[in-house]
Amino acid sequence: MIQDDTIYCGNTAVYSLSSAEDGKLYVANLNKGIAKDRGEAVQSDFDIDSRRKKIEKKAKAGKQNGGSVENEVQAGAIPEAG
């Protein structure tokens, strides 16, 4: 719900609106997002998960091919650009 310039979820204030923001639109979208039965599947695999799997696979392959720990990409690490 919205009261004055604050959006609440139950009794907890979750967002303070600026004068340029449409609080009613935010509340409608939040209510839609937290509705239990929207008829949509919940996404269980995100882009970051597939990236992490690729990094882990690369690290494992490097280790199996005799690579040293210094040359391996650590699982979950973000490789440097280059």
N, C-alpha and C. Protein backbone atom coordinates (compact mmCIF):
# COMPACT_ATOMS: atom_id res chain seq x y z
N MET A 1 0.84 -1.18 0.00
CA MET A 1 0.00 0.00 0.00
C MET A 1 0.88 1.23 0.00
N ILE A 2 0.28 2.33 -0.37
CA ILE A 2 1.00 3.61 -0.39
C ILE A 2 0.33 4.57 0.58
N GLN A 3 1.17 5.24 1.35
CA GLN A 3 0.66 6.24 2.29
C GLN A 3 1.62 7.43 2.25
N ASP A 4 1.06 8.59 1.94
CA ASP A 4 1.86 9.80 1.74
C ASP A 4 2.90 9.54 0.64
N ASP A 5 4.19 9.59 0.96
CA ASP A 5 5.22 9.36 -0.05
C ASP A 5 6.01 8.07 0.22
N THR A 6 5.39 7.14 0.94
CA THR A 6 6.06 5.90 1.31
C THR A 6 5.24 4.69 0.88
N ILE A 7 5.92 3.69 0.33
CA ILE A 7 5.28 2.42 -0.04
C ILE A 7 5.57 1.43 1.08
N TYR A 8 4.51 0.75 1.51
CA TYR A 8 4.62 -0.23 2.59
C TYR A 8 4.27 -1.62 2.09
N CYS A 9 4.96 -2.62 2.66
CA CYS A 9 4.61 -4.02 2.48
C CYS A 9 4.25 -4.50 3.88
N GLY A 10 2.95 -4.64 4.13
CA GLY A 10 2.49 -4.89 5.49
C GLY A 10 2.76 -3.64 6.31
N ASN A 11 3.46 -3.81 7.44
CA ASN A 11 3.80 -2.67 8.30
C ASN A 11 5.20 -2.14 8.04
N THR A 12 5.88 -2.69 7.04
CA THR A 12 7.27 -2.32 6.77
C THR A 12 7.35 -1.34 5.61
N ALA A 13 7.99 -0.21 5.85
CA ALA A 13 8.24 0.77 4.79
C ALA A 13 9.32 0.19 3.88
N VAL A 14 9.02 0.11 2.56
CA VAL A 14 9.99 -0.47 1.64
C VAL A 14 10.56 0.53 0.65
N TYR A 15 9.92 1.67 0.46
CA TYR A 15 10.41 2.64 -0.51
C TYR A 15 9.80 4.00 -0.25
N SER A 16 10.65 5.04 -0.36
CA SER A 16 10.19 6.42 -0.26
C SER A 16 10.21 7.03 -1.65
N LEU A 17 9.09 7.58 -2.05
CA LEU A 17 8.94 8.13 -3.40
C LEU A 17 9.46 9.55 -3.49
N SER A 18 9.98 9.89 -4.67
CA SER A 18 10.29 11.29 -4.94
C SER A 18 9.03 11.91 -5.52
N SER A 19 9.02 13.20 -5.66
CA SER A 19 7.82 13.87 -6.17
C SER A 19 7.53 13.53 -7.62
N ALA A 20 8.53 13.06 -8.38
CA ALA A 20 8.34 12.75 -9.80
C ALA A 20 7.89 11.31 -10.05
N GLU A 21 7.86 10.48 -9.01
CA GLU A 21 7.53 9.07 -9.20
C GLU A 21 6.05 8.80 -9.01
N ASP A 22 5.54 7.82 -9.78
CA ASP A 22 4.14 7.42 -9.72
C ASP A 22 4.00 6.26 -8.73
N GLY A 23 3.67 6.57 -7.51
CA GLY A 23 3.57 5.56 -6.46
C GLY A 23 2.52 4.51 -6.73
N LYS A 24 1.40 4.90 -7.33
CA LYS A 24 0.33 3.93 -7.63
C LYS A 24 0.82 2.88 -8.62
N LEU A 25 1.60 3.29 -9.59
CA LEU A 25 2.15 2.35 -10.57
C LEU A 25 3.13 1.40 -9.89
N TYR A 26 3.99 1.90 -9.01
CA TYR A 26 4.93 1.05 -8.28
C TYR A 26 4.18 0.02 -7.45
N VAL A 27 3.16 0.47 -6.73
CA VAL A 27 2.40 -0.44 -5.87
C VAL A 27 1.71 -1.52 -6.70
N ALA A 28 1.13 -1.12 -7.83
CA ALA A 28 0.46 -2.10 -8.69
C ALA A 28 1.45 -3.15 -9.19
N ASN A 29 2.64 -2.71 -9.61
CA ASN A 29 3.64 -3.65 -10.09
C ASN A 29 4.19 -4.54 -8.98
N LEU A 30 4.39 -3.97 -7.81
CA LEU A 30 4.84 -4.79 -6.67
C LEU A 30 3.79 -5.83 -6.29
N ASN A 31 2.53 -5.43 -6.25
CA ASN A 31 1.47 -6.38 -5.93
C ASN A 31 1.38 -7.48 -6.97
N LYS A 32 1.56 -7.12 -8.22
CA LYS A 32 1.56 -8.13 -9.29
C LYS A 32 2.73 -9.09 -9.11
N GLY A 33 3.87 -8.54 -8.75
CA GLY A 33 5.08 -9.35 -8.59
C GLY A 33 5.03 -10.31 -7.42
N ILE A 34 4.32 -9.95 -6.37
CA ILE A 34 4.30 -10.83 -5.21
C ILE A 34 3.04 -11.69 -5.13
N ALA A 35 2.17 -11.54 -6.11
CA ALA A 35 0.96 -12.37 -6.14
C ALA A 35 1.36 -13.84 -6.22
N LYS A 36 0.71 -14.68 -5.45
CA LYS A 36 1.09 -16.09 -5.39
C LYS A 36 0.72 -16.87 -6.64
N ASP A 37 -0.37 -16.58 -7.26
CA ASP A 37 -0.80 -17.37 -8.40
C ASP A 37 -0.96 -16.46 -9.61
N ARG A 38 0.15 -16.19 -10.28
CA ARG A 38 0.12 -15.34 -11.46
C ARG A 38 -0.03 -16.16 -12.72
N GLY A 39 0.11 -17.48 -12.60
CA GLY A 39 0.03 -18.34 -13.77
C GLY A 39 1.30 -18.36 -14.58
N GLU A 40 2.39 -17.81 -14.05
CA GLU A 40 3.67 -17.78 -14.74
C GLU A 40 4.67 -18.67 -14.00
N ALA A 41 5.52 -19.32 -14.75
CA ALA A 41 6.57 -20.13 -14.14
C ALA A 41 7.61 -19.22 -13.49
N VAL A 42 8.12 -19.63 -12.36
CA VAL A 42 9.17 -18.89 -11.68
C VAL A 42 10.49 -19.27 -12.34
N GLN A 43 11.29 -18.29 -12.69
CA GLN A 43 12.57 -18.55 -13.33
C GLN A 43 13.52 -19.13 -12.30
N SER A 44 14.07 -20.32 -12.59
CA SER A 44 14.95 -20.96 -11.63
C SER A 44 16.41 -20.92 -12.05
N ASP A 45 16.70 -20.56 -13.29
CA ASP A 45 18.07 -20.52 -13.77
C ASP A 45 18.32 -19.15 -14.38
N PHE A 46 19.26 -18.44 -13.84
CA PHE A 46 19.54 -17.08 -14.29
C PHE A 46 20.84 -17.04 -15.07
N ASP A 47 21.08 -15.99 -15.82
CA ASP A 47 22.29 -15.85 -16.63
C ASP A 47 23.56 -16.02 -15.80
N ILE A 48 23.56 -15.49 -14.60
CA ILE A 48 24.76 -15.59 -13.76
C ILE A 48 25.05 -17.04 -13.40
N ASP A 49 24.02 -17.88 -13.29
CA ASP A 49 24.22 -19.29 -12.98
C ASP A 49 24.93 -20.00 -14.12
N SER A 50 24.53 -19.73 -15.37
CA SER A 50 25.18 -20.38 -16.50
C SER A 50 26.62 -19.90 -16.65
N ARG A 51 26.86 -18.63 -16.36
CA ARG A 51 28.23 -18.10 -16.42
C ARG A 51 29.11 -18.77 -15.37
N ARG A 52 28.57 -18.94 -14.17
CA ARG A 52 29.31 -19.58 -13.08
C ARG A 52 29.65 -21.02 -13.46
N LYS A 53 28.69 -21.74 -14.08
CA LYS A 53 28.93 -23.13 -14.49
C LYS A 53 30.06 -23.20 -15.51
N LYS A 54 30.08 -22.26 -16.46
CA LYS A 54 31.15 -22.25 -17.47
C LYS A 54 32.51 -22.01 -16.82
N ILE A 55 32.57 -21.10 -15.87
CA ILE A 55 33.82 -20.79 -15.18
C ILE A 55 34.29 -22.00 -14.39
N GLU A 56 33.36 -22.66 -13.68
CA GLU A 56 33.72 -23.85 -12.91
C GLU A 56 34.22 -24.97 -13.83
N LYS A 57 33.57 -25.14 -14.98
CA LYS A 57 33.96 -26.18 -15.94
C LYS A 57 35.37 -25.89 -16.47
N LYS A 58 35.64 -24.61 -16.77
CA LYS A 58 36.96 -24.23 -17.28
C LYS A 58 38.03 -24.48 -16.22
N ALA A 59 37.74 -24.16 -14.98
CA ALA A 59 38.69 -24.38 -13.89
C ALA A 59 38.96 -25.87 -13.70
N LYS A 60 37.92 -26.67 -13.76
CA LYS A 60 38.07 -28.12 -13.60
C LYS A 60 38.90 -28.70 -14.74
N ALA A 61 38.65 -28.26 -15.97
CA ALA A 61 39.39 -28.75 -17.13
C ALA A 61 40.87 -28.36 -17.01
N GLY A 62 41.14 -27.16 -16.56
CA GLY A 62 42.52 -26.72 -16.38
C GLY A 62 43.25 -27.54 -15.34
N LYS A 63 42.56 -27.86 -14.27
CA LYS A 63 43.15 -28.66 -13.20
C LYS A 63 43.45 -30.07 -13.69
N GLN A 64 42.54 -30.65 -14.47
CA GLN A 64 42.71 -32.00 -14.99
C GLN A 64 43.83 -32.06 -16.03
N ASN A 65 44.09 -30.95 -16.70
CA ASN A 65 45.14 -30.90 -17.72
C ASN A 65 46.49 -30.50 -17.14
N GLY A 66 46.62 -30.55 -15.82
CA GLY A 66 47.89 -30.27 -15.19
C GLY A 66 48.17 -28.82 -14.93
N GLY A 67 47.19 -27.98 -15.04
CA GLY A 67 47.38 -26.55 -14.78
C GLY A 67 47.61 -26.30 -13.31
N SER A 68 48.34 -25.25 -12.99
CA SER A 68 48.57 -24.91 -11.59
C SER A 68 47.40 -24.08 -11.07
N VAL A 69 47.33 -23.97 -9.77
CA VAL A 69 46.25 -23.21 -9.15
C VAL A 69 46.30 -21.75 -9.61
N GLU A 70 47.51 -21.21 -9.82
CA GLU A 70 47.64 -19.81 -10.23
C GLU A 70 47.04 -19.57 -11.61
N ASN A 71 47.07 -20.61 -12.47
CA ASN A 71 46.57 -20.46 -13.83
C ASN A 71 45.08 -20.77 -13.96
N GLU A 72 44.49 -21.29 -12.91
CA GLU A 72 43.07 -21.65 -12.96
C GLU A 72 42.19 -20.46 -12.67
N VAL A 73 41.01 -20.48 -13.23
CA VAL A 73 40.00 -19.49 -12.90
C VAL A 73 39.26 -20.02 -11.69
N GLN A 74 39.23 -19.26 -10.63
CA GLN A 74 38.53 -19.69 -9.43
C GLN A 74 37.04 -19.70 -9.67
N ALA A 75 36.36 -20.75 -9.20
CA ALA A 75 34.92 -20.86 -9.37
C ALA A 75 34.23 -19.66 -8.73
N GLY A 76 33.35 -19.03 -9.48
CA GLY A 76 32.60 -17.88 -8.99
C GLY A 76 33.31 -16.56 -9.22
N ALA A 77 34.58 -16.62 -9.63
CA ALA A 77 35.32 -15.38 -9.87
C ALA A 77 34.94 -14.81 -11.23
N ILE A 78 35.06 -13.52 -11.35
CA ILE A 78 34.78 -12.86 -12.62
C ILE A 78 36.11 -12.66 -13.33
N PRO A 79 36.28 -13.29 -14.49
CA PRO A 79 37.56 -13.15 -15.19
C PRO A 79 37.81 -11.72 -15.64
N GLU A 80 39.08 -11.35 -15.69
CA GLU A 80 39.43 -10.00 -16.13
C GLU A 80 39.25 -9.87 -17.63
N ALA A 81 38.87 -8.69 -18.06
CA ALA A 81 38.73 -8.44 -19.50
C ALA A 81 40.11 -8.39 -20.12
N GLY A 82 40.20 -8.83 -21.36
CA GLY A 82 41.51 -8.73 -21.98
C GLY A 82 41.64 -9.56 -23.12
